[in-house]
Amino acid sequence: MIENIFQTEIKEESGKYVLSFGAFKSLRVWIDNKKLCVDSESNKSVTDEVVIDTNKRYRTFLDEATGYSSKERLKMAKKEVQGS
């Protein structure tokens, strides 16, 4: 799924999928206790068009990987924070 959305080389490092694409200098994705974890580092030297494209692809990735929309993920995150 990651390859289809970002259309770039994906490496596996220590159980994490790592890629570089567009506004992402690096993007690391892994699963921990049935939760999708993501760590990113931005490339601040790209154009606005690249940022917009990267953000669109990232949202698509999150929607497909989690099965939840942005609004649903936000609601779940708020609920988790309140329960802590």
PDB file of N, CA and C in Angstrom:
ATOM      1  N   MET A   1       0.824  -1.187   0.000  1.00  0.00           N
ATOM      2  CA  MET A   1       0.000   0.000   0.000  1.00  0.00           C
ATOM      3  C   MET A   1       0.872   1.255   0.000  1.00  0.00           C
ATOM      4  N   ILE A   2       1.923   1.269   0.798  1.00  0.00           N
ATOM      5  CA  ILE A   2       2.799   2.439   0.865  1.00  0.00           C
ATOM      6  C   ILE A   2       3.429   2.704  -0.494  1.00  0.00           C
ATOM      7  N   GLU A   3       3.894   1.645  -1.155  1.00  0.00           N
ATOM      8  CA  GLU A   3       4.520   1.805  -2.475  1.00  0.00           C
ATOM      9  C   GLU A   3       3.548   2.378  -3.487  1.00  0.00           C
ATOM     10  N   ASN A   4       2.303   1.920  -3.462  1.00  0.00           N
ATOM     11  CA  ASN A   4       1.302   2.408  -4.415  1.00  0.00           C
ATOM     12  C   ASN A   4       0.997   3.885  -4.218  1.00  0.00           C
ATOM     13  N   ILE A   5       0.987   4.333  -2.988  1.00  0.00           N
ATOM     14  CA  ILE A   5       0.623   5.720  -2.704  1.00  0.00           C
ATOM     15  C   ILE A   5       1.793   6.666  -2.937  1.00  0.00           C
ATOM     16  N   PHE A   6       2.971   6.305  -2.420  1.00  0.00           N
ATOM     17  CA  PHE A   6       4.113   7.206  -2.521  1.00  0.00           C
ATOM     18  C   PHE A   6       4.992   6.950  -3.745  1.00  0.00           C
ATOM     19  N   GLN A   7       4.873   5.785  -4.348  1.00  0.00           N
ATOM     20  CA  GLN A   7       5.601   5.441  -5.580  1.00  0.00           C
ATOM     21  C   GLN A   7       7.083   5.766  -5.471  1.00  0.00           C
ATOM     22  N   THR A   8       7.704   5.211  -4.431  1.00  0.00           N
ATOM     23  CA  THR A   8       9.128   5.393  -4.209  1.00  0.00           C
ATOM     24  C   THR A   8       9.688   4.138  -3.555  1.00  0.00           C
ATOM     25  N   GLU A   9      10.982   4.060  -3.463  1.00  0.00           N
ATOM     26  CA  GLU A   9      11.628   2.906  -2.839  1.00  0.00           C
ATOM     27  C   GLU A   9      11.343   2.904  -1.339  1.00  0.00           C
ATOM     28  N   ILE A  10      10.961   1.738  -0.833  1.00  0.00           N
ATOM     29  CA  ILE A  10      10.696   1.559   0.590  1.00  0.00           C
ATOM     30  C   ILE A  10      11.757   0.603   1.127  1.00  0.00           C
ATOM     31  N   LYS A  11      12.390   0.994   2.214  1.00  0.00           N
ATOM     32  CA  LYS A  11      13.378   0.138   2.868  1.00  0.00           C
ATOM     33  C   LYS A  11      12.802  -0.349   4.187  1.00  0.00           C
ATOM     34  N   GLU A  12      13.283  -1.505   4.639  1.00  0.00           N
ATOM     35  CA  GLU A  12      12.902  -1.985   5.959  1.00  0.00           C
ATOM     36  C   GLU A  12      14.125  -1.905   6.862  1.00  0.00           C
ATOM     37  N   GLU A  13      13.972  -1.196   7.972  1.00  0.00           N
ATOM     38  CA  GLU A  13      15.058  -1.035   8.928  1.00  0.00           C
ATOM     39  C   GLU A  13      14.524  -1.295  10.329  1.00  0.00           C
ATOM     40  N   SER A  14      15.015  -2.340  10.949  1.00  0.00           N
ATOM     41  CA  SER A  14      14.619  -2.676  12.330  1.00  0.00           C
ATOM     42  C   SER A  14      13.103  -2.778  12.491  1.00  0.00           C
ATOM     43  N   GLY A  15      12.438  -3.405  11.533  1.00  0.00           N
ATOM     44  CA  GLY A  15      10.997  -3.596  11.616  1.00  0.00           C
ATOM     45  C   GLY A  15      10.167  -2.382  11.238  1.00  0.00           C
ATOM     46  N   LYS A  16      10.820  -1.330  10.743  1.00  0.00           N
ATOM     47  CA  LYS A  16      10.104  -0.126  10.322  1.00  0.00           C
ATOM     48  C   LYS A  16      10.286   0.072   8.821  1.00  0.00           C
ATOM     49  N   TYR A  17       9.216   0.518   8.159  1.00  0.00           N
ATOM     50  CA  TYR A  17       9.306   0.858   6.745  1.00  0.00           C
ATOM     51  C   TYR A  17       9.752   2.310   6.644  1.00  0.00           C
ATOM     52  N   VAL A  18      10.782   2.553   5.849  1.00  0.00           N
ATOM     53  CA  VAL A  18      11.382   3.876   5.756  1.00  0.00           C
ATOM     54  C   VAL A  18      11.401   4.322   4.302  1.00  0.00           C
ATOM     55  N   LEU A  19      10.999   5.580   4.065  1.00  0.00           N
ATOM     56  CA  LEU A  19      11.011   6.118   2.716  1.00  0.00           C
ATOM     57  C   LEU A  19      11.323   7.602   2.756  1.00  0.00           C
ATOM     58  N   SER A  20      11.658   8.124   1.605  1.00  0.00           N
ATOM     59  CA  SER A  20      11.856   9.555   1.404  1.00  0.00           C
ATOM     60  C   SER A  20      11.034   9.924   0.183  1.00  0.00           C
ATOM     61  N   PHE A  21      10.172  10.937   0.329  1.00  0.00           N
ATOM     62  CA  PHE A  21       9.297  11.321  -0.780  1.00  0.00           C
ATOM     63  C   PHE A  21       8.830  12.757  -0.583  1.00  0.00           C
ATOM     64  N   GLY A  22       8.922  13.552  -1.627  1.00  0.00           N
ATOM     65  CA  GLY A  22       8.365  14.903  -1.621  1.00  0.00           C
ATOM     66  C   GLY A  22       8.795  15.720  -0.422  1.00  0.00           C
ATOM     67  N   ALA A  23       7.824  16.140   0.384  1.00  0.00           N
ATOM     68  CA  ALA A  23       8.095  16.967   1.556  1.00  0.00           C
ATOM     69  C   ALA A  23       8.590  16.155   2.749  1.00  0.00           C
ATOM     70  N   PHE A  24       8.668  14.839   2.595  1.00  0.00           N
ATOM     71  CA  PHE A  24       9.216  13.989   3.643  1.00  0.00           C
ATOM     72  C   PHE A  24      10.690  13.724   3.367  1.00  0.00           C
ATOM     73  N   LYS A  25      11.550  14.293   4.198  1.00  0.00           N
ATOM     74  CA  LYS A  25      12.965  13.933   4.131  1.00  0.00           C
ATOM     75  C   LYS A  25      13.074  12.459   4.498  1.00  0.00           C
ATOM     76  N   SER A  26      12.307  12.062   5.526  1.00  0.00           N
ATOM     77  CA  SER A  26      12.172  10.643   5.858  1.00  0.00           C
ATOM     78  C   SER A  26      10.817  10.423   6.511  1.00  0.00           C
ATOM     79  N   LEU A  27      10.265   9.259   6.253  1.00  0.00           N
ATOM     80  CA  LEU A  27       9.007   8.826   6.844  1.00  0.00           C
ATOM     81  C   LEU A  27       9.215   7.395   7.302  1.00  0.00           C
ATOM     82  N   ARG A  28       8.979   7.140   8.591  1.00  0.00           N
ATOM     83  CA  ARG A  28       9.114   5.805   9.152  1.00  0.00           C
ATOM     84  C   ARG A  28       7.751   5.347   9.646  1.00  0.00           C
ATOM     85  N   VAL A  29       7.373   4.128   9.266  1.00  0.00           N
ATOM     86  CA  VAL A  29       6.055   3.592   9.595  1.00  0.00           C
ATOM     87  C   VAL A  29       6.228   2.197  10.185  1.00  0.00           C
ATOM     88  N   TRP A  30       5.519   1.934  11.299  1.00  0.00           N
ATOM     89  CA  TRP A  30       5.566   0.615  11.905  1.00  0.00           C
ATOM     90  C   TRP A  30       4.310   0.391  12.738  1.00  0.00           C
ATOM     91  N   ILE A  31       4.107  -0.858  13.135  1.00  0.00           N
ATOM     92  CA  ILE A  31       2.975  -1.237  13.971  1.00  0.00           C
ATOM     93  C   ILE A  31       3.512  -1.591  15.354  1.00  0.00           C
ATOM     94  N   ASP A  32       2.868  -1.049  16.398  1.00  0.00           N
ATOM     95  CA  ASP A  32       3.248  -1.342  17.776  1.00  0.00           C
ATOM     96  C   ASP A  32       1.972  -1.557  18.576  1.00  0.00           C
ATOM     97  N   ASN A  33       1.811  -2.761  19.116  1.00  0.00           N
ATOM     98  CA  ASN A  33       0.603  -3.103  19.882  1.00  0.00           C
ATOM     99  C   ASN A  33      -0.678  -2.777  19.117  1.00  0.00           C
ATOM    100  N   LYS A  34      -0.718  -3.208  17.862  1.00  0.00           N
ATOM    101  CA  LYS A  34      -1.881  -3.023  16.988  1.00  0.00           C
ATOM    102  C   LYS A  34      -2.172  -1.563  16.641  1.00  0.00           C
ATOM    103  N   LYS A  35      -1.203  -0.671  16.875  1.00  0.00           N
ATOM    104  CA  LYS A  35      -1.377   0.735  16.529  1.00  0.00           C
ATOM    105  C   LYS A  35      -0.374   1.111  15.446  1.00  0.00           C
ATOM    106  N   LEU A  36      -0.845   1.911  14.507  1.00  0.00           N
ATOM    107  CA  LEU A  36       0.015   2.424  13.452  1.00  0.00           C
ATOM    108  C   LEU A  36       0.839   3.576  14.023  1.00  0.00           C
ATOM    109  N   CYS A  37       2.145   3.464  13.907  1.00  0.00           N
ATOM    110  CA  CYS A  37       3.047   4.516  14.393  1.00  0.00           C
ATOM    111  C   CYS A  37       3.768   5.133  13.200  1.00  0.00           C
ATOM    112  N   VAL A  38       3.924   6.438  13.242  1.00  0.00           N
ATOM    113  CA  VAL A  38       4.559   7.160  12.149  1.00  0.00           C
ATOM    114  C   VAL A  38       5.492   8.210  12.734  1.00  0.00           C
ATOM    115  N   ASP A  39       6.684   8.293  12.172  1.00  0.00           N
ATOM    116  CA  ASP A  39       7.650   9.320  12.551  1.00  0.00           C
ATOM    117  C   ASP A  39       8.141   9.940  11.251  1.00  0.00           C
ATOM    118  N   SER A  40       8.169  11.269  11.203  1.00  0.00           N
ATOM    119  CA  SER A  40       8.571  11.922   9.962  1.00  0.00           C
ATOM    120  C   SER A  40       9.529  13.068  10.217  1.00  0.00           C
ATOM    121  N   GLU A  41      10.295  13.364   9.183  1.00  0.00           N
ATOM    122  CA  GLU A  41      11.177  14.524   9.165  1.00  0.00           C
ATOM    123  C   GLU A  41      10.904  15.249   7.860  1.00  0.00           C
ATOM    124  N   SER A  42      10.644  16.556   7.954  1.00  0.00           N
ATOM    125  CA  SER A  42      10.254  17.338   6.782  1.00  0.00           C
ATOM    126  C   SER A  42      11.448  17.836   5.984  1.00  0.00           C
ATOM    127  N   ASN A  43      11.218  17.942   4.680  1.00  0.00           N
ATOM    128  CA  ASN A  43      12.161  18.583   3.772  1.00  0.00           C
ATOM    129  C   ASN A  43      11.608  19.971   3.516  1.00  0.00           C
ATOM    130  N   LYS A  44      12.191  20.978   4.132  1.00  0.00           N
ATOM    131  CA  LYS A  44      11.636  22.335   4.077  1.00  0.00           C
ATOM    132  C   LYS A  44      12.015  23.104   2.823  1.00  0.00           C
ATOM    133  N   SER A  45      12.787  22.489   1.942  1.00  0.00           N
ATOM    134  CA  SER A  45      13.233  23.199   0.742  1.00  0.00           C
ATOM    135  C   SER A  45      12.380  22.906  -0.491  1.00  0.00           C
ATOM    136  N   VAL A  46      11.225  22.257  -0.313  1.00  0.00           N
ATOM    137  CA  VAL A  46      10.381  21.906  -1.456  1.00  0.00           C
ATOM    138  C   VAL A  46       9.346  23.003  -1.715  1.00  0.00           C
ATOM    139  N   THR A  47       8.753  22.958  -2.892  1.00  0.00           N
ATOM    140  CA  THR A  47       7.740  23.947  -3.281  1.00  0.00           C
ATOM    141  C   THR A  47       6.398  23.659  -2.609  1.00  0.00           C
ATOM    142  N   ASP A  48       5.520  24.640  -2.632  1.00  0.00           N
ATOM    143  CA  ASP A  48       4.181  24.466  -2.069  1.00  0.00           C
ATOM    144  C   ASP A  48       3.426  23.336  -2.769  1.00  0.00           C
ATOM    145  N   GLU A  49       3.622  23.214  -4.071  1.00  0.00           N
ATOM    146  CA  GLU A  49       2.948  22.154  -4.827  1.00  0.00           C
ATOM    147  C   GLU A  49       3.370  20.777  -4.329  1.00  0.00           C
ATOM    148  N   VAL A  50       4.655  20.629  -4.026  1.00  0.00           N
ATOM    149  CA  VAL A  50       5.168  19.349  -3.516  1.00  0.00           C
ATOM    150  C   VAL A  50       4.585  19.081  -2.131  1.00  0.00           C
ATOM    151  N   VAL A  51       4.494  20.096  -1.303  1.00  0.00           N
ATOM    152  CA  VAL A  51       3.914  19.944   0.033  1.00  0.00           C
ATOM    153  C   VAL A  51       2.460  19.497  -0.073  1.00  0.00           C
ATOM    154  N   ILE A  52       1.697  20.125  -0.942  1.00  0.00           N
ATOM    155  CA  ILE A  52       0.287  19.782  -1.116  1.00  0.00           C
ATOM    156  C   ILE A  52       0.134  18.343  -1.597  1.00  0.00           C
ATOM    157  N   ASP A  53       0.937  17.946  -2.582  1.00  0.00           N
ATOM    158  CA  ASP A  53       0.879  16.575  -3.093  1.00  0.00           C
ATOM    159  C   ASP A  53       1.261  15.570  -2.006  1.00  0.00           C
ATOM    160  N   THR A  54       2.317  15.864  -1.269  1.00  0.00           N
ATOM    161  CA  THR A  54       2.765  14.961  -0.209  1.00  0.00           C
ATOM    162  C   THR A  54       1.695  14.815   0.863  1.00  0.00           C
ATOM    163  N   ASN A  55       1.096  15.932   1.278  1.00  0.00           N
ATOM    164  CA  ASN A  55       0.041  15.879   2.296  1.00  0.00           C
ATOM    165  C   ASN A  55      -1.161  15.073   1.820  1.00  0.00           C
ATOM    166  N   LYS A  56      -1.531  15.239   0.564  1.00  0.00           N
ATOM    167  CA  LYS A  56      -2.662  14.479   0.009  1.00  0.00           C
ATOM    168  C   LYS A  56      -2.362  12.981   0.040  1.00  0.00           C
ATOM    169  N   ARG A  57      -1.167  12.611  -0.383  1.00  0.00           N
ATOM    170  CA  ARG A  57      -0.779  11.193  -0.368  1.00  0.00           C
ATOM    171  C   ARG A  57      -0.727  10.647   1.056  1.00  0.00           C
ATOM    172  N   TYR A  58      -0.224  11.446   1.986  1.00  0.00           N
ATOM    173  CA  TYR A  58      -0.123  11.022   3.384  1.00  0.00           C
ATOM    174  C   TYR A  58      -1.512  10.780   3.975  1.00  0.00           C
ATOM    175  N   ARG A  59      -2.453  11.691   3.725  1.00  0.00           N
ATOM    176  CA  ARG A  59      -3.823  11.497   4.211  1.00  0.00           C
ATOM    177  C   ARG A  59      -4.445  10.243   3.595  1.00  0.00           C
ATOM    178  N   THR A  60      -4.213  10.022   2.311  1.00  0.00           N
ATOM    179  CA  THR A  60      -4.713   8.815   1.655  1.00  0.00           C
ATOM    180  C   THR A  60      -4.122   7.574   2.304  1.00  0.00           C
ATOM    181  N   PHE A  61      -2.824   7.607   2.566  1.00  0.00           N
ATOM    182  CA  PHE A  61      -2.161   6.481   3.234  1.00  0.00           C
ATOM    183  C   PHE A  61      -2.800   6.210   4.594  1.00  0.00           C
ATOM    184  N   LEU A  62      -2.978   7.248   5.407  1.00  0.00           N
ATOM    185  CA  LEU A  62      -3.567   7.061   6.737  1.00  0.00           C
ATOM    186  C   LEU A  62      -4.997   6.525   6.645  1.00  0.00           C
ATOM    187  N   ASP A  63      -5.775   7.044   5.711  1.00  0.00           N
ATOM    188  CA  ASP A  63      -7.153   6.561   5.526  1.00  0.00           C
ATOM    189  C   ASP A  63      -7.162   5.072   5.198  1.00  0.00           C
ATOM    190  N   GLU A  64      -6.320   4.667   4.254  1.00  0.00           N
ATOM    191  CA  GLU A  64      -6.289   3.271   3.817  1.00  0.00           C
ATOM    192  C   GLU A  64      -5.659   2.358   4.868  1.00  0.00           C
ATOM    193  N   ALA A  65      -4.607   2.810   5.520  1.00  0.00           N
ATOM    194  CA  ALA A  65      -3.904   1.973   6.491  1.00  0.00           C
ATOM    195  C   ALA A  65      -4.729   1.746   7.752  1.00  0.00           C
ATOM    196  N   THR A  66      -5.485   2.763   8.166  1.00  0.00           N
ATOM    197  CA  THR A  66      -6.251   2.639   9.410  1.00  0.00           C
ATOM    198  C   THR A  66      -7.702   2.236   9.180  1.00  0.00           C
ATOM    199  N   GLY A  67      -8.222   2.534   8.003  1.00  0.00           N
ATOM    200  CA  GLY A  67      -9.633   2.283   7.747  1.00  0.00           C
ATOM    201  C   GLY A  67     -10.535   3.366   8.320  1.00  0.00           C
ATOM    202  N   TYR A  68      -9.919   4.435   8.840  1.00  0.00           N
ATOM    203  CA  TYR A  68     -10.675   5.535   9.437  1.00  0.00           C
ATOM    204  C   TYR A  68     -10.397   6.826   8.682  1.00  0.00           C
ATOM    205  N   SER A  69     -11.403   7.706   8.640  1.00  0.00           N
ATOM    206  CA  SER A  69     -11.231   9.024   8.026  1.00  0.00           C
ATOM    207  C   SER A  69     -10.449   9.921   8.980  1.00  0.00           C
ATOM    208  N   SER A  70     -10.045  11.076   8.496  1.00  0.00           N
ATOM    209  CA  SER A  70      -9.327  12.048   9.332  1.00  0.00           C
ATOM    210  C   SER A  70     -10.160  12.436  10.552  1.00  0.00           C
ATOM    211  N   LYS A  71     -11.432  12.671  10.345  1.00  0.00           N
ATOM    212  CA  LYS A  71     -12.311  13.057  11.452  1.00  0.00           C
ATOM    213  C   LYS A  71     -12.423  11.933  12.481  1.00  0.00           C
ATOM    214  N   GLU A  72     -12.532  10.693  12.009  1.00  0.00           N
ATOM    215  CA  GLU A  72     -12.626   9.561  12.929  1.00  0.00           C
ATOM    216  C   GLU A  72     -11.332   9.377  13.714  1.00  0.00           C
ATOM    217  N   ARG A  73     -10.181   9.550  13.045  1.00  0.00           N
ATOM    218  CA  ARG A  73      -8.893   9.426  13.737  1.00  0.00           C
ATOM    219  C   ARG A  73      -8.734  10.516  14.791  1.00  0.00           C
ATOM    220  N   LEU A  74      -9.146  11.733  14.482  1.00  0.00           N
ATOM    221  CA  LEU A  74      -9.071  12.828  15.439  1.00  0.00           C
ATOM    222  C   LEU A  74      -9.943  12.535  16.656  1.00  0.00           C
ATOM    223  N   LYS A  75     -11.141  12.061  16.425  1.00  0.00           N
ATOM    224  CA  LYS A  75     -12.057  11.738  17.513  1.00  0.00           C
ATOM    225  C   LYS A  75     -11.462  10.651  18.410  1.00  0.00           C
ATOM    226  N   MET A  76     -10.858   9.637  17.804  1.00  0.00           N
ATOM    227  CA  MET A  76     -10.252   8.547  18.582  1.00  0.00           C
ATOM    228  C   MET A  76      -9.046   9.053  19.373  1.00  0.00           C
ATOM    229  N   ALA A  77      -8.251   9.925  18.772  1.00  0.00           N
ATOM    230  CA  ALA A  77      -7.070  10.469  19.459  1.00  0.00           C
ATOM    231  C   ALA A  77      -7.496  11.306  20.667  1.00  0.00           C
ATOM    232  N   LYS A  78      -8.524  12.110  20.499  1.00  0.00           N
ATOM    233  CA  LYS A  78      -9.022  12.928  21.612  1.00  0.00           C
ATOM    234  C   LYS A  78      -9.527  12.043  22.740  1.00  0.00           C
ATOM    235  N   LYS A  79     -10.239  10.986  22.362  1.00  0.00           N
ATOM    236  CA  LYS A  79     -10.779  10.062  23.356  1.00  0.00           C
ATOM    237  C   LYS A  79      -9.643   9.382  24.113  1.00  0.00           C
ATOM    238  N   GLU A  80      -8.589   9.000  23.414  1.00  0.00           N
ATOM    239  CA  GLU A  80      -7.460   8.341  24.044  1.00  0.00           C
ATOM    240  C   GLU A  80      -6.738   9.282  25.015  1.00  0.00           C
ATOM    241  N   VAL A  81      -6.570  10.529  24.629  1.00  0.00           N
ATOM    242  CA  VAL A  81      -5.893  11.515  25.482  1.00  0.00           C
ATOM    243  C   VAL A  81      -6.722  11.772  26.749  1.00  0.00           C
ATOM    244  N   GLN A  82      -8.026  11.864  26.601  1.00  0.00           N
ATOM    245  CA  GLN A  82      -8.894  12.126  27.746  1.00  0.00           C
ATOM    246  C   GLN A  82      -8.908  10.946  28.715  1.00  0.00           C
ATOM    247  N   GLY A  83      -8.710   9.748  28.177  1.00  0.00           N
ATOM    248  CA  GLY A  83      -8.721   8.550  29.018  1.00  0.00           C
ATOM    249  C   GLY A  83      -7.426   8.336  29.758  1.00  0.00           C
ATOM    250  N   SER A  84      -6.374   9.071  29.384  1.00  0.00           N
ATOM    251  CA  SER A  84      -5.062   8.896  30.023  1.00  0.00           C
ATOM    252  C   SER A  84      -4.980   9.579  31.363  1.00  0.00           C
TER     253      SER A  84
END
